[in-house]
Amino acid sequence: MTPASVALAPQPTLADAVDEALAVALDGGQVRCLWCGATASRVVADRFSGRVVVRCPECGSELEGTRPRRPGEGRA
């Protein structure tokens, strides 16, 4: 990669990080706190609705939302 291509590489946004964390938590994966980096020990997820709550025991933050649907998901 040239320095110019590195500078033009798309940077992940906070929204991207949140979406990824919610998707990983919903799939039962290990999720780290987006604020302090600690391993989140409490995940409550509803696979049917996609609603996820991740609570961090270290800093007390709570991340709640729904995983965005993947393209084509939910269609018959």
PDB file of N, CA and C in Angstrom:
ATOM      1  N   MET A   1       0.833  -1.179   0.000  1.00  0.00           N
ATOM      2  CA  MET A   1       0.000   0.000   0.000  1.00  0.00           C
ATOM      3  C   MET A   1       0.877   1.242   0.000  1.00  0.00           C
ATOM      4  N   THR A   2       0.459   2.189  -0.767  1.00  0.00           N
ATOM      5  CA  THR A   2       1.173   3.463  -0.769  1.00  0.00           C
ATOM      6  C   THR A   2       0.598   4.349   0.330  1.00  0.00           C
ATOM      7  N   PRO A   3       1.349   5.350   0.764  1.00  0.00           N
ATOM      8  CA  PRO A   3       0.827   6.251   1.801  1.00  0.00           C
ATOM      9  C   PRO A   3      -0.495   6.905   1.397  1.00  0.00           C
ATOM     10  N   ALA A   4      -0.678   7.192   0.115  1.00  0.00           N
ATOM     11  CA  ALA A   4      -1.920   7.822  -0.331  1.00  0.00           C
ATOM     12  C   ALA A   4      -3.105   6.877  -0.170  1.00  0.00           C
ATOM     13  N   SER A   5      -2.912   5.587  -0.475  1.00  0.00           N
ATOM     14  CA  SER A   5      -4.026   4.647  -0.350  1.00  0.00           C
ATOM     15  C   SER A   5      -4.380   4.397   1.111  1.00  0.00           C
ATOM     16  N   VAL A   6      -3.399   4.450   1.994  1.00  0.00           N
ATOM     17  CA  VAL A   6      -3.675   4.293   3.418  1.00  0.00           C
ATOM     18  C   VAL A   6      -4.480   5.481   3.920  1.00  0.00           C
ATOM     19  N   ALA A   7      -4.137   6.669   3.461  1.00  0.00           N
ATOM     20  CA  ALA A   7      -4.841   7.872   3.892  1.00  0.00           C
ATOM     21  C   ALA A   7      -6.282   7.879   3.393  1.00  0.00           C
ATOM     22  N   LEU A   8      -6.545   7.234   2.275  1.00  0.00           N
ATOM     23  CA  LEU A   8      -7.883   7.226   1.706  1.00  0.00           C
ATOM     24  C   LEU A   8      -8.726   6.029   2.145  1.00  0.00           C
ATOM     25  N   ALA A   9      -8.133   5.125   2.921  1.00  0.00           N
ATOM     26  CA  ALA A   9      -8.882   3.955   3.376  1.00  0.00           C
ATOM     27  C   ALA A   9     -10.028   4.410   4.278  1.00  0.00           C
ATOM     28  N   PRO A  10     -11.208   3.823   4.099  1.00  0.00           N
ATOM     29  CA  PRO A  10     -12.346   4.240   4.928  1.00  0.00           C
ATOM     30  C   PRO A  10     -12.093   3.922   6.399  1.00  0.00           C
ATOM     31  N   GLN A  11     -12.371   4.880   7.253  1.00  0.00           N
ATOM     32  CA  GLN A  11     -12.194   4.709   8.688  1.00  0.00           C
ATOM     33  C   GLN A  11     -13.516   4.250   9.300  1.00  0.00           C
ATOM     34  N   PRO A  12     -13.464   3.270  10.192  1.00  0.00           N
ATOM     35  CA  PRO A  12     -14.704   2.837  10.827  1.00  0.00           C
ATOM     36  C   PRO A  12     -15.251   3.944  11.727  1.00  0.00           C
ATOM     37  N   THR A  13     -16.546   4.068  11.752  1.00  0.00           N
ATOM     38  CA  THR A  13     -17.191   5.072  12.590  1.00  0.00           C
ATOM     39  C   THR A  13     -17.648   4.417  13.890  1.00  0.00           C
ATOM     40  N   LEU A  14     -18.068   5.230  14.839  1.00  0.00           N
ATOM     41  CA  LEU A  14     -18.606   4.695  16.083  1.00  0.00           C
ATOM     42  C   LEU A  14     -19.843   3.849  15.793  1.00  0.00           C
ATOM     43  N   ALA A  15     -20.654   4.292  14.850  1.00  0.00           N
ATOM     44  CA  ALA A  15     -21.851   3.525  14.477  1.00  0.00           C
ATOM     45  C   ALA A  15     -21.467   2.147  13.943  1.00  0.00           C
ATOM     46  N   ASP A  16     -20.398   2.076  13.146  1.00  0.00           N
ATOM     47  CA  ASP A  16     -19.926   0.785  12.637  1.00  0.00           C
ATOM     48  C   ASP A  16     -19.482  -0.115  13.791  1.00  0.00           C
ATOM     49  N   ALA A  17     -18.752   0.462  14.753  1.00  0.00           N
ATOM     50  CA  ALA A  17     -18.269  -0.307  15.903  1.00  0.00           C
ATOM     51  C   ALA A  17     -19.432  -0.821  16.747  1.00  0.00           C
ATOM     52  N   VAL A  18     -20.445   0.012  16.940  1.00  0.00           N
ATOM     53  CA  VAL A  18     -21.627  -0.394  17.708  1.00  0.00           C
ATOM     54  C   VAL A  18     -22.362  -1.514  16.985  1.00  0.00           C
ATOM     55  N   ASP A  19     -22.595  -1.359  15.683  1.00  0.00           N
ATOM     56  CA  ASP A  19     -23.280  -2.398  14.904  1.00  0.00           C
ATOM     57  C   ASP A  19     -22.530  -3.724  14.977  1.00  0.00           C
ATOM     58  N   GLU A  20     -21.208  -3.666  14.868  1.00  0.00           N
ATOM     59  CA  GLU A  20     -20.402  -4.883  14.918  1.00  0.00           C
ATOM     60  C   GLU A  20     -20.473  -5.526  16.303  1.00  0.00           C
ATOM     61  N   ALA A  21     -20.387  -4.717  17.351  1.00  0.00           N
ATOM     62  CA  ALA A  21     -20.455  -5.251  18.717  1.00  0.00           C
ATOM     63  C   ALA A  21     -21.806  -5.905  18.982  1.00  0.00           C
ATOM     64  N   LEU A  22     -22.879  -5.278  18.533  1.00  0.00           N
ATOM     65  CA  LEU A  22     -24.209  -5.851  18.729  1.00  0.00           C
ATOM     66  C   LEU A  22     -24.358  -7.167  17.970  1.00  0.00           C
ATOM     67  N   ALA A  23     -23.842  -7.225  16.749  1.00  0.00           N
ATOM     68  CA  ALA A  23     -23.927  -8.452  15.948  1.00  0.00           C
ATOM     69  C   ALA A  23     -23.135  -9.582  16.598  1.00  0.00           C
ATOM     70  N   VAL A  24     -21.929  -9.278  17.094  1.00  0.00           N
ATOM     71  CA  VAL A  24     -21.103 -10.299  17.747  1.00  0.00           C
ATOM     72  C   VAL A  24     -21.789 -10.801  19.015  1.00  0.00           C
ATOM     73  N   ALA A  25     -22.347  -9.874  19.803  1.00  0.00           N
ATOM     74  CA  ALA A  25     -23.039 -10.263  21.036  1.00  0.00           C
ATOM     75  C   ALA A  25     -24.253 -11.125  20.730  1.00  0.00           C
ATOM     76  N   LEU A  26     -25.006 -10.769  19.711  1.00  0.00           N
ATOM     77  CA  LEU A  26     -26.197 -11.535  19.339  1.00  0.00           C
ATOM     78  C   LEU A  26     -25.828 -12.945  18.892  1.00  0.00           C
ATOM     79  N   ASP A  27     -24.676 -13.078  18.249  1.00  0.00           N
ATOM     80  CA  ASP A  27     -24.224 -14.389  17.783  1.00  0.00           C
ATOM     81  C   ASP A  27     -23.511 -15.189  18.867  1.00  0.00           C
ATOM     82  N   GLY A  28     -23.438 -14.626  20.100  1.00  0.00           N
ATOM     83  CA  GLY A  28     -22.838 -15.350  21.218  1.00  0.00           C
ATOM     84  C   GLY A  28     -21.341 -15.201  21.335  1.00  0.00           C
ATOM     85  N   GLY A  29     -20.763 -14.248  20.628  1.00  0.00           N
ATOM     86  CA  GLY A  29     -19.320 -14.054  20.674  1.00  0.00           C
ATOM     87  C   GLY A  29     -18.863 -13.199  21.843  1.00  0.00           C
ATOM     88  N   GLN A  30     -17.554 -13.125  22.030  1.00  0.00           N
ATOM     89  CA  GLN A  30     -16.933 -12.321  23.083  1.00  0.00           C
ATOM     90  C   GLN A  30     -16.965 -10.850  22.682  1.00  0.00           C
ATOM     91  N   VAL A  31     -17.517 -10.007  23.534  1.00  0.00           N
ATOM     92  CA  VAL A  31     -17.644  -8.583  23.233  1.00  0.00           C
ATOM     93  C   VAL A  31     -16.849  -7.782  24.247  1.00  0.00           C
ATOM     94  N   ARG A  32     -16.076  -6.818  23.759  1.00  0.00           N
ATOM     95  CA  ARG A  32     -15.349  -5.909  24.649  1.00  0.00           C
ATOM     96  C   ARG A  32     -16.111  -4.601  24.744  1.00  0.00           C
ATOM     97  N   CYS A  33     -15.999  -3.955  25.894  1.00  0.00           N
ATOM     98  CA  CYS A  33     -16.636  -2.661  26.107  1.00  0.00           C
ATOM     99  C   CYS A  33     -16.046  -1.649  25.130  1.00  0.00           C
ATOM    100  N   LEU A  34     -16.910  -0.893  24.467  1.00  0.00           N
ATOM    101  CA  LEU A  34     -16.434   0.110  23.514  1.00  0.00           C
ATOM    102  C   LEU A  34     -15.785   1.296  24.214  1.00  0.00           C
ATOM    103  N   TRP A  35     -16.059   1.468  25.508  1.00  0.00           N
ATOM    104  CA  TRP A  35     -15.560   2.653  26.216  1.00  0.00           C
ATOM    105  C   TRP A  35     -14.269   2.375  26.964  1.00  0.00           C
ATOM    106  N   CYS A  36     -14.182   1.248  27.698  1.00  0.00           N
ATOM    107  CA  CYS A  36     -12.975   1.000  28.501  1.00  0.00           C
ATOM    108  C   CYS A  36     -12.166  -0.203  28.010  1.00  0.00           C
ATOM    109  N   GLY A  37     -12.724  -1.011  27.113  1.00  0.00           N
ATOM    110  CA  GLY A  37     -11.999  -2.152  26.557  1.00  0.00           C
ATOM    111  C   GLY A  37     -12.093  -3.426  27.374  1.00  0.00           C
ATOM    112  N   ALA A  38     -12.767  -3.376  28.521  1.00  0.00           N
ATOM    113  CA  ALA A  38     -12.907  -4.572  29.355  1.00  0.00           C
ATOM    114  C   ALA A  38     -13.843  -5.576  28.680  1.00  0.00           C
ATOM    115  N   THR A  39     -13.698  -6.829  29.063  1.00  0.00           N
ATOM    116  CA  THR A  39     -14.584  -7.861  28.537  1.00  0.00           C
ATOM    117  C   THR A  39     -15.954  -7.709  29.181  1.00  0.00           C
ATOM    118  N   ALA A  40     -16.972  -7.568  28.374  1.00  0.00           N
ATOM    119  CA  ALA A  40     -18.336  -7.411  28.887  1.00  0.00           C
ATOM    120  C   ALA A  40     -18.806  -8.745  29.440  1.00  0.00           C
ATOM    121  N   SER A  41     -19.241  -8.754  30.673  1.00  0.00           N
ATOM    122  CA  SER A  41     -19.617 -10.028  31.268  1.00  0.00           C
ATOM    123  C   SER A  41     -21.112 -10.305  31.191  1.00  0.00           C
ATOM    124  N   ARG A  42     -21.914  -9.313  30.909  1.00  0.00           N
ATOM    125  CA  ARG A  42     -23.363  -9.536  30.889  1.00  0.00           C
ATOM    126  C   ARG A  42     -23.929  -9.148  29.536  1.00  0.00           C
ATOM    127  N   VAL A  43     -24.430 -10.119  28.826  1.00  0.00           N
ATOM    128  CA  VAL A  43     -25.065  -9.881  27.532  1.00  0.00           C
ATOM    129  C   VAL A  43     -26.456 -10.493  27.576  1.00  0.00           C
ATOM    130  N   VAL A  44     -27.445  -9.697  27.245  1.00  0.00           N
ATOM    131  CA  VAL A  44     -28.815 -10.185  27.127  1.00  0.00           C
ATOM    132  C   VAL A  44     -29.212  -9.982  25.673  1.00  0.00           C
ATOM    133  N   ALA A  45     -29.562 -11.066  24.988  1.00  0.00           N
ATOM    134  CA  ALA A  45     -29.868 -10.974  23.560  1.00  0.00           C
ATOM    135  C   ALA A  45     -31.130 -11.757  23.227  1.00  0.00           C
ATOM    136  N   ASP A  46     -31.934 -11.180  22.378  1.00  0.00           N
ATOM    137  CA  ASP A  46     -33.143 -11.829  21.874  1.00  0.00           C
ATOM    138  C   ASP A  46     -32.929 -12.081  20.383  1.00  0.00           C
ATOM    139  N   ARG A  47     -32.693 -13.328  20.032  1.00  0.00           N
ATOM    140  CA  ARG A  47     -32.386 -13.658  18.638  1.00  0.00           C
ATOM    141  C   ARG A  47     -33.542 -13.368  17.693  1.00  0.00           C
ATOM    142  N   PHE A  48     -34.783 -13.463  18.179  1.00  0.00           N
ATOM    143  CA  PHE A  48     -35.935 -13.236  17.309  1.00  0.00           C
ATOM    144  C   PHE A  48     -36.026 -11.772  16.886  1.00  0.00           C
ATOM    145  N   SER A  49     -35.934 -10.862  17.850  1.00  0.00           N
ATOM    146  CA  SER A  49     -36.070  -9.435  17.536  1.00  0.00           C
ATOM    147  C   SER A  49     -34.743  -8.780  17.174  1.00  0.00           C
ATOM    148  N   GLY A  50     -33.624  -9.397  17.580  1.00  0.00           N
ATOM    149  CA  GLY A  50     -32.316  -8.800  17.335  1.00  0.00           C
ATOM    150  C   GLY A  50     -31.906  -7.802  18.401  1.00  0.00           C
ATOM    151  N   ARG A  51     -32.706  -7.665  19.466  1.00  0.00           N
ATOM    152  CA  ARG A  51     -32.399  -6.711  20.538  1.00  0.00           C
ATOM    153  C   ARG A  51     -31.275  -7.266  21.413  1.00  0.00           C
ATOM    154  N   VAL A  52     -30.284  -6.405  21.714  1.00  0.00           N
ATOM    155  CA  VAL A  52     -29.126  -6.805  22.499  1.00  0.00           C
ATOM    156  C   VAL A  52     -28.833  -5.734  23.545  1.00  0.00           C
ATOM    157  N   VAL A  53     -28.486  -6.180  24.763  1.00  0.00           N
ATOM    158  CA  VAL A  53     -28.017  -5.281  25.815  1.00  0.00           C
ATOM    159  C   VAL A  53     -26.686  -5.833  26.308  1.00  0.00           C
ATOM    160  N   VAL A  54     -25.648  -5.002  26.292  1.00  0.00           N
ATOM    161  CA  VAL A  54     -24.326  -5.383  26.777  1.00  0.00           C
ATOM    162  C   VAL A  54     -23.985  -4.458  27.935  1.00  0.00           C
ATOM    163  N   ARG A  55     -23.714  -5.046  29.117  1.00  0.00           N
ATOM    164  CA  ARG A  55     -23.368  -4.258  30.299  1.00  0.00           C
ATOM    165  C   ARG A  55     -21.928  -4.541  30.697  1.00  0.00           C
ATOM    166  N   CYS A  56     -21.173  -3.480  30.977  1.00  0.00           N
ATOM    167  CA  CYS A  56     -19.772  -3.607  31.371  1.00  0.00           C
ATOM    168  C   CYS A  56     -19.655  -3.500  32.893  1.00  0.00           C
ATOM    169  N   PRO A  57     -19.074  -4.506  33.548  1.00  0.00           N
ATOM    170  CA  PRO A  57     -18.921  -4.458  34.996  1.00  0.00           C
ATOM    171  C   PRO A  57     -17.814  -3.502  35.448  1.00  0.00           C
ATOM    172  N   GLU A  58     -16.886  -3.189  34.562  1.00  0.00           N
ATOM    173  CA  GLU A  58     -15.750  -2.336  34.927  1.00  0.00           C
ATOM    174  C   GLU A  58     -16.124  -0.862  35.004  1.00  0.00           C
ATOM    175  N   CYS A  59     -16.727  -0.344  33.944  1.00  0.00           N
ATOM    176  CA  CYS A  59     -17.022   1.098  33.895  1.00  0.00           C
ATOM    177  C   CYS A  59     -18.506   1.404  34.076  1.00  0.00           C
ATOM    178  N   GLY A  60     -19.351   0.369  34.068  1.00  0.00           N
ATOM    179  CA  GLY A  60     -20.777   0.559  34.288  1.00  0.00           C
ATOM    180  C   GLY A  60     -21.559   1.002  33.060  1.00  0.00           C
ATOM    181  N   SER A  61     -20.919   1.032  31.904  1.00  0.00           N
ATOM    182  CA  SER A  61     -21.631   1.471  30.698  1.00  0.00           C
ATOM    183  C   SER A  61     -22.582   0.382  30.212  1.00  0.00           C
ATOM    184  N   GLU A  62     -23.569   0.811  29.465  1.00  0.00           N
ATOM    185  CA  GLU A  62     -24.557  -0.108  28.904  1.00  0.00           C
ATOM    186  C   GLU A  62     -24.767   0.249  27.443  1.00  0.00           C
ATOM    187  N   LEU A  63     -24.675  -0.739  26.598  1.00  0.00           N
ATOM    188  CA  LEU A  63     -24.887  -0.568  25.166  1.00  0.00           C
ATOM    189  C   LEU A  63     -26.135  -1.360  24.808  1.00  0.00           C
ATOM    190  N   GLU A  64     -27.109  -0.688  24.227  1.00  0.00           N
ATOM    191  CA  GLU A  64     -28.363  -1.354  23.892  1.00  0.00           C
ATOM    192  C   GLU A  64     -28.767  -0.986  22.475  1.00  0.00           C
ATOM    193  N   GLY A  65     -29.282  -1.943  21.759  1.00  0.00           N
ATOM    194  CA  GLY A  65     -29.753  -1.676  20.409  1.00  0.00           C
ATOM    195  C   GLY A  65     -30.195  -2.948  19.733  1.00  0.00           C
ATOM    196  N   THR A  66     -30.436  -2.844  18.457  1.00  0.00           N
ATOM    197  CA  THR A  66     -30.791  -4.010  17.660  1.00  0.00           C
ATOM    198  C   THR A  66     -29.787  -4.148  16.537  1.00  0.00           C
ATOM    199  N   ARG A  67     -29.484  -5.391  16.226  1.00  0.00           N
ATOM    200  CA  ARG A  67     -28.563  -5.646  15.124  1.00  0.00           C
ATOM    201  C   ARG A  67     -29.268  -5.294  13.830  1.00  0.00           C
ATOM    202  N   PRO A  68     -28.629  -4.513  12.986  1.00  0.00           N
ATOM    203  CA  PRO A  68     -29.255  -4.204  11.697  1.00  0.00           C
ATOM    204  C   PRO A  68     -29.430  -5.474  10.874  1.00  0.00           C
ATOM    205  N   ARG A  69     -30.484  -5.518  10.128  1.00  0.00           N
ATOM    206  CA  ARG A  69     -30.717  -6.686   9.275  1.00  0.00           C
ATOM    207  C   ARG A  69     -29.671  -6.748   8.170  1.00  0.00           C
ATOM    208  N   ARG A  70     -29.291  -7.962   7.855  1.00  0.00           N
ATOM    209  CA  ARG A  70     -28.368  -8.174   6.739  1.00  0.00           C
ATOM    210  C   ARG A  70     -29.166  -8.111   5.447  1.00  0.00           C
ATOM    211  N   PRO A  71     -28.541  -7.776   4.336  1.00  0.00           N
ATOM    212  CA  PRO A  71     -29.265  -7.721   3.063  1.00  0.00           C
ATOM    213  C   PRO A  71     -29.963  -9.048   2.773  1.00  0.00           C
ATOM    214  N   GLY A  72     -31.246  -8.977   2.477  1.00  0.00           N
ATOM    215  CA  GLY A  72     -32.004 -10.168   2.134  1.00  0.00           C
ATOM    216  C   GLY A  72     -32.563 -10.928   3.315  1.00  0.00           C
ATOM    217  N   GLU A  73     -32.189 -10.543   4.533  1.00  0.00           N
ATOM    218  CA  GLU A  73     -32.663 -11.247   5.714  1.00  0.00           C
ATOM    219  C   GLU A  73     -34.128 -10.908   5.980  1.00  0.00           C
ATOM    220  N   GLY A  74     -34.895 -11.892   6.365  1.00  0.00           N
ATOM    221  CA  GLY A  74     -36.293 -11.670   6.693  1.00  0.00           C
ATOM    222  C   GLY A  74     -37.234 -11.738   5.505  1.00  0.00           C
ATOM    223  N   ARG A  75     -36.707 -12.047   4.345  1.00  0.00           N
ATOM    224  CA  ARG A  75     -37.562 -12.173   3.157  1.00  0.00           C
ATOM    225  C   ARG A  75     -37.916 -13.626   2.928  1.00  0.00           C
ATOM    226  N   ALA A  76     -39.101 -13.844   2.389  1.00  0.00           N
ATOM    227  CA  ALA A  76     -39.539 -15.220   2.124  1.00  0.00           C
ATOM    228  C   ALA A  76     -39.034 -15.698   0.788  1.00  0.00           C
TER     229      ALA A  76
END
